[in-house]
Amino acid sequence: MVTFVVITIAVWARRARVPVFTRGWLEAAAFLVVAQVGLGVASVTTALSVAPVSAHTLVAATLLATLVRAGTLAHMARSPRAEAASVVTV
């Protein structure tokens, strides 16, 4: 379910007018979630061998950090301060 949500948000960001920098973080999250699924499968098929499990944990932490960063950027883009800063005074 998380895979579906992350990929759907990344596709939506591509179609909507989301800032390029935020969109890049969301696309990275979509890539990481696909890698996470692959590493999860590898972890199970190798009887929980150390290398795939460690990589699975590393990608999970990276995915979390990426989603937090994308959420923070999206929130900052919608804040009143961002709108006020974008107004040009003459």
N, C-alpha and C. Protein backbone atom coordinates (compact mmCIF):
# COMPACT_ATOMS: atom_id res chain seq x y z
N MET A 1 0.82 -1.19 0.00
CA MET A 1 0.00 0.00 0.00
C MET A 1 0.87 1.26 0.00
N VAL A 2 1.93 1.26 0.79
CA VAL A 2 2.83 2.42 0.81
C VAL A 2 3.45 2.63 -0.56
N THR A 3 3.81 1.56 -1.22
CA THR A 3 4.39 1.65 -2.56
C THR A 3 3.42 2.35 -3.50
N PHE A 4 2.17 1.97 -3.45
CA PHE A 4 1.15 2.58 -4.31
C PHE A 4 1.02 4.08 -4.01
N VAL A 5 0.98 4.45 -2.74
CA VAL A 5 0.82 5.85 -2.36
C VAL A 5 2.02 6.69 -2.81
N VAL A 6 3.22 6.20 -2.57
CA VAL A 6 4.43 6.97 -2.92
C VAL A 6 4.53 7.14 -4.43
N ILE A 7 4.29 6.08 -5.18
CA ILE A 7 4.37 6.18 -6.64
C ILE A 7 3.26 7.07 -7.19
N THR A 8 2.06 6.98 -6.62
CA THR A 8 0.95 7.85 -7.06
C THR A 8 1.27 9.31 -6.82
N ILE A 9 1.83 9.63 -5.67
CA ILE A 9 2.19 11.02 -5.38
C ILE A 9 3.29 11.51 -6.33
N ALA A 10 4.25 10.65 -6.63
CA ALA A 10 5.33 11.04 -7.56
C ALA A 10 4.78 11.30 -8.96
N VAL A 11 3.84 10.46 -9.41
CA VAL A 11 3.22 10.67 -10.73
C VAL A 11 2.39 11.95 -10.71
N TRP A 12 1.65 12.17 -9.64
CA TRP A 12 0.85 13.40 -9.53
C TRP A 12 1.76 14.63 -9.57
N ALA A 13 2.88 14.58 -8.86
CA ALA A 13 3.80 15.71 -8.83
C ALA A 13 4.35 16.02 -10.21
N ARG A 14 4.54 14.99 -11.01
CA ARG A 14 5.02 15.19 -12.38
C ARG A 14 3.98 15.92 -13.23
N ARG A 15 2.71 15.61 -13.00
CA ARG A 15 1.64 16.22 -13.80
C ARG A 15 1.21 17.59 -13.28
N ALA A 16 1.29 17.79 -11.99
CA ALA A 16 0.86 19.05 -11.38
C ALA A 16 2.00 20.07 -11.44
N ARG A 17 1.68 21.27 -11.04
CA ARG A 17 2.69 22.32 -11.03
C ARG A 17 3.43 22.33 -9.70
N VAL A 18 4.14 21.25 -9.46
CA VAL A 18 4.94 21.13 -8.24
C VAL A 18 6.34 21.64 -8.58
N PRO A 19 6.95 22.42 -7.69
CA PRO A 19 8.31 22.90 -7.97
C PRO A 19 9.26 21.74 -8.32
N VAL A 20 10.16 22.02 -9.21
CA VAL A 20 11.06 20.99 -9.74
C VAL A 20 11.86 20.34 -8.62
N PHE A 21 12.33 21.12 -7.68
CA PHE A 21 13.15 20.57 -6.60
C PHE A 21 12.34 19.57 -5.76
N THR A 22 11.11 19.92 -5.42
CA THR A 22 10.25 19.02 -4.66
C THR A 22 9.91 17.78 -5.48
N ARG A 23 9.64 17.99 -6.74
CA ARG A 23 9.32 16.86 -7.63
C ARG A 23 10.49 15.89 -7.70
N GLY A 24 11.70 16.38 -7.72
CA GLY A 24 12.88 15.52 -7.75
C GLY A 24 12.96 14.64 -6.50
N TRP A 25 12.67 15.20 -5.34
CA TRP A 25 12.67 14.42 -4.11
C TRP A 25 11.59 13.35 -4.15
N LEU A 26 10.42 13.68 -4.70
CA LEU A 26 9.34 12.70 -4.78
C LEU A 26 9.67 11.59 -5.78
N GLU A 27 10.33 11.92 -6.87
CA GLU A 27 10.75 10.90 -7.82
C GLU A 27 11.82 10.00 -7.20
N ALA A 28 12.70 10.58 -6.41
CA ALA A 28 13.71 9.77 -5.71
C ALA A 28 13.03 8.82 -4.73
N ALA A 29 11.98 9.31 -4.07
CA ALA A 29 11.23 8.45 -3.13
C ALA A 29 10.58 7.28 -3.87
N ALA A 30 10.05 7.54 -5.06
CA ALA A 30 9.44 6.46 -5.84
C ALA A 30 10.48 5.42 -6.21
N PHE A 31 11.66 5.86 -6.60
CA PHE A 31 12.74 4.92 -6.92
C PHE A 31 13.13 4.12 -5.68
N LEU A 32 13.25 4.80 -4.55
CA LEU A 32 13.66 4.12 -3.32
C LEU A 32 12.63 3.11 -2.85
N VAL A 33 11.36 3.41 -3.03
CA VAL A 33 10.33 2.47 -2.58
C VAL A 33 10.35 1.20 -3.44
N VAL A 34 10.63 1.35 -4.72
CA VAL A 34 10.76 0.17 -5.59
C VAL A 34 11.99 -0.63 -5.18
N ALA A 35 13.09 0.05 -4.89
CA ALA A 35 14.30 -0.64 -4.42
C ALA A 35 14.04 -1.33 -3.09
N GLN A 36 13.25 -0.70 -2.24
CA GLN A 36 12.92 -1.27 -0.94
C GLN A 36 12.17 -2.59 -1.09
N VAL A 37 11.22 -2.61 -2.01
CA VAL A 37 10.47 -3.85 -2.26
C VAL A 37 11.41 -4.94 -2.77
N GLY A 38 12.28 -4.59 -3.71
CA GLY A 38 13.23 -5.56 -4.25
C GLY A 38 14.16 -6.10 -3.18
N LEU A 39 14.64 -5.22 -2.30
CA LEU A 39 15.52 -5.67 -1.23
C LEU A 39 14.77 -6.51 -0.20
N GLY A 40 13.49 -6.22 0.00
CA GLY A 40 12.68 -7.03 0.90
C GLY A 40 12.53 -8.45 0.37
N VAL A 41 12.30 -8.56 -0.92
CA VAL A 41 12.21 -9.88 -1.55
C VAL A 41 13.56 -10.60 -1.44
N ALA A 42 14.63 -9.89 -1.70
CA ALA A 42 15.96 -10.50 -1.61
C ALA A 42 16.27 -10.94 -0.18
N SER A 43 15.83 -10.16 0.80
CA SER A 43 16.05 -10.53 2.20
C SER A 43 15.36 -11.84 2.53
N VAL A 44 14.14 -12.00 2.06
CA VAL A 44 13.38 -13.22 2.36
C VAL A 44 13.95 -14.42 1.61
N THR A 45 14.29 -14.23 0.34
CA THR A 45 14.78 -15.37 -0.46
C THR A 45 16.17 -15.83 -0.05
N THR A 46 16.94 -14.97 0.61
CA THR A 46 18.28 -15.38 1.08
C THR A 46 18.25 -15.79 2.55
N ALA A 47 17.08 -16.11 3.05
CA ALA A 47 16.92 -16.55 4.45
C ALA A 47 17.48 -15.53 5.43
N LEU A 48 17.16 -14.27 5.17
CA LEU A 48 17.55 -13.15 6.04
C LEU A 48 19.07 -13.04 6.22
N SER A 49 19.75 -13.14 5.11
CA SER A 49 21.20 -12.95 5.09
C SER A 49 21.53 -11.51 5.49
N VAL A 50 22.71 -11.29 6.02
CA VAL A 50 23.07 -9.99 6.59
C VAL A 50 23.09 -8.87 5.54
N ALA A 51 23.67 -9.10 4.39
CA ALA A 51 23.83 -8.03 3.39
C ALA A 51 22.48 -7.49 2.89
N PRO A 52 21.55 -8.32 2.43
CA PRO A 52 20.28 -7.76 1.96
C PRO A 52 19.46 -7.10 3.08
N VAL A 53 19.52 -7.67 4.27
CA VAL A 53 18.77 -7.07 5.38
C VAL A 53 19.36 -5.71 5.75
N SER A 54 20.68 -5.60 5.75
CA SER A 54 21.32 -4.32 6.04
C SER A 54 21.00 -3.29 4.96
N ALA A 55 21.05 -3.71 3.71
CA ALA A 55 20.71 -2.79 2.62
C ALA A 55 19.24 -2.38 2.70
N HIS A 56 18.37 -3.31 3.06
CA HIS A 56 16.94 -3.03 3.21
C HIS A 56 16.73 -1.96 4.29
N THR A 57 17.44 -2.08 5.39
CA THR A 57 17.34 -1.10 6.48
C THR A 57 17.89 0.25 6.06
N LEU A 58 19.01 0.25 5.34
CA LEU A 58 19.61 1.49 4.85
C LEU A 58 18.66 2.22 3.89
N VAL A 59 18.06 1.49 2.98
CA VAL A 59 17.13 2.10 2.03
C VAL A 59 15.88 2.61 2.76
N ALA A 60 15.44 1.89 3.78
CA ALA A 60 14.28 2.34 4.56
C ALA A 60 14.56 3.69 5.23
N ALA A 61 15.74 3.83 5.82
CA ALA A 61 16.10 5.09 6.46
C ALA A 61 16.24 6.22 5.43
N THR A 62 16.81 5.90 4.29
CA THR A 62 16.95 6.90 3.22
C THR A 62 15.59 7.31 2.68
N LEU A 63 14.70 6.35 2.53
CA LEU A 63 13.35 6.64 2.06
C LEU A 63 12.62 7.54 3.05
N LEU A 64 12.74 7.25 4.33
CA LEU A 64 12.11 8.09 5.35
C LEU A 64 12.64 9.52 5.28
N ALA A 65 13.95 9.68 5.21
CA ALA A 65 14.55 11.01 5.12
C ALA A 65 14.10 11.74 3.86
N THR A 66 14.00 11.02 2.76
CA THR A 66 13.57 11.63 1.49
C THR A 66 12.13 12.11 1.58
N LEU A 67 11.26 11.30 2.16
CA LEU A 67 9.86 11.70 2.29
C LEU A 67 9.69 12.88 3.26
N VAL A 68 10.47 12.90 4.32
CA VAL A 68 10.42 14.03 5.25
C VAL A 68 10.87 15.30 4.54
N ARG A 69 11.94 15.21 3.78
CA ARG A 69 12.44 16.38 3.03
C ARG A 69 11.42 16.87 2.02
N ALA A 70 10.81 15.96 1.27
CA ALA A 70 9.80 16.35 0.28
C ALA A 70 8.60 16.98 0.96
N GLY A 71 8.18 16.43 2.09
CA GLY A 71 7.06 17.01 2.83
C GLY A 71 7.38 18.39 3.37
N THR A 72 8.59 18.56 3.86
CA THR A 72 9.02 19.86 4.37
C THR A 72 9.05 20.89 3.25
N LEU A 73 9.58 20.52 2.11
CA LEU A 73 9.62 21.46 0.98
C LEU A 73 8.21 21.82 0.51
N ALA A 74 7.32 20.84 0.47
CA ALA A 74 5.95 21.11 0.06
C ALA A 74 5.26 22.03 1.05
N HIS A 75 5.51 21.81 2.33
CA HIS A 75 4.90 22.66 3.36
C HIS A 75 5.45 24.08 3.27
N MET A 76 6.75 24.20 3.08
CA MET A 76 7.37 25.53 2.99
C MET A 76 6.87 26.28 1.76
N ALA A 77 6.61 25.58 0.69
CA ALA A 77 6.14 26.23 -0.54
C ALA A 77 4.72 26.78 -0.36
N ARG A 78 3.95 26.19 0.55
CA ARG A 78 2.57 26.63 0.76
C ARG A 78 2.43 27.60 1.91
N SER A 79 3.48 27.88 2.67
CA SER A 79 3.38 28.74 3.84
C SER A 79 3.19 30.19 3.42
N PRO A 80 2.53 31.01 4.27
CA PRO A 80 2.31 32.43 3.95
C PRO A 80 3.61 33.20 3.76
N ARG A 81 4.66 32.81 4.49
CA ARG A 81 5.94 33.50 4.33
C ARG A 81 6.50 33.32 2.92
N ALA A 82 6.32 32.13 2.35
CA ALA A 82 6.81 31.87 0.98
C ALA A 82 6.04 32.73 -0.01
N GLU A 83 4.73 32.87 0.20
CA GLU A 83 3.93 33.71 -0.69
C GLU A 83 4.31 35.17 -0.54
N ALA A 84 4.54 35.62 0.70
CA ALA A 84 4.93 37.01 0.93
C ALA A 84 6.30 37.30 0.33
N ALA A 85 7.19 36.35 0.41
CA ALA A 85 8.55 36.54 -0.13
C ALA A 85 8.53 36.59 -1.65
N SER A 86 7.53 35.97 -2.27
CA SER A 86 7.49 35.96 -3.72
C SER A 86 6.85 37.22 -4.31
N VAL A 87 6.22 38.04 -3.45
CA VAL A 87 5.60 39.27 -3.93
C VAL A 87 6.69 40.31 -4.15
N VAL A 88 6.68 40.92 -5.30
CA VAL A 88 7.67 41.92 -5.65
C VAL A 88 7.11 43.29 -5.30
N THR A 89 7.85 44.04 -4.50
CA THR A 89 7.41 45.39 -4.13
C THR A 89 8.17 46.40 -4.99
N VAL A 90 7.46 47.41 -5.38
CA VAL A 90 8.08 48.44 -6.23
C VAL A 90 8.32 49.70 -5.46
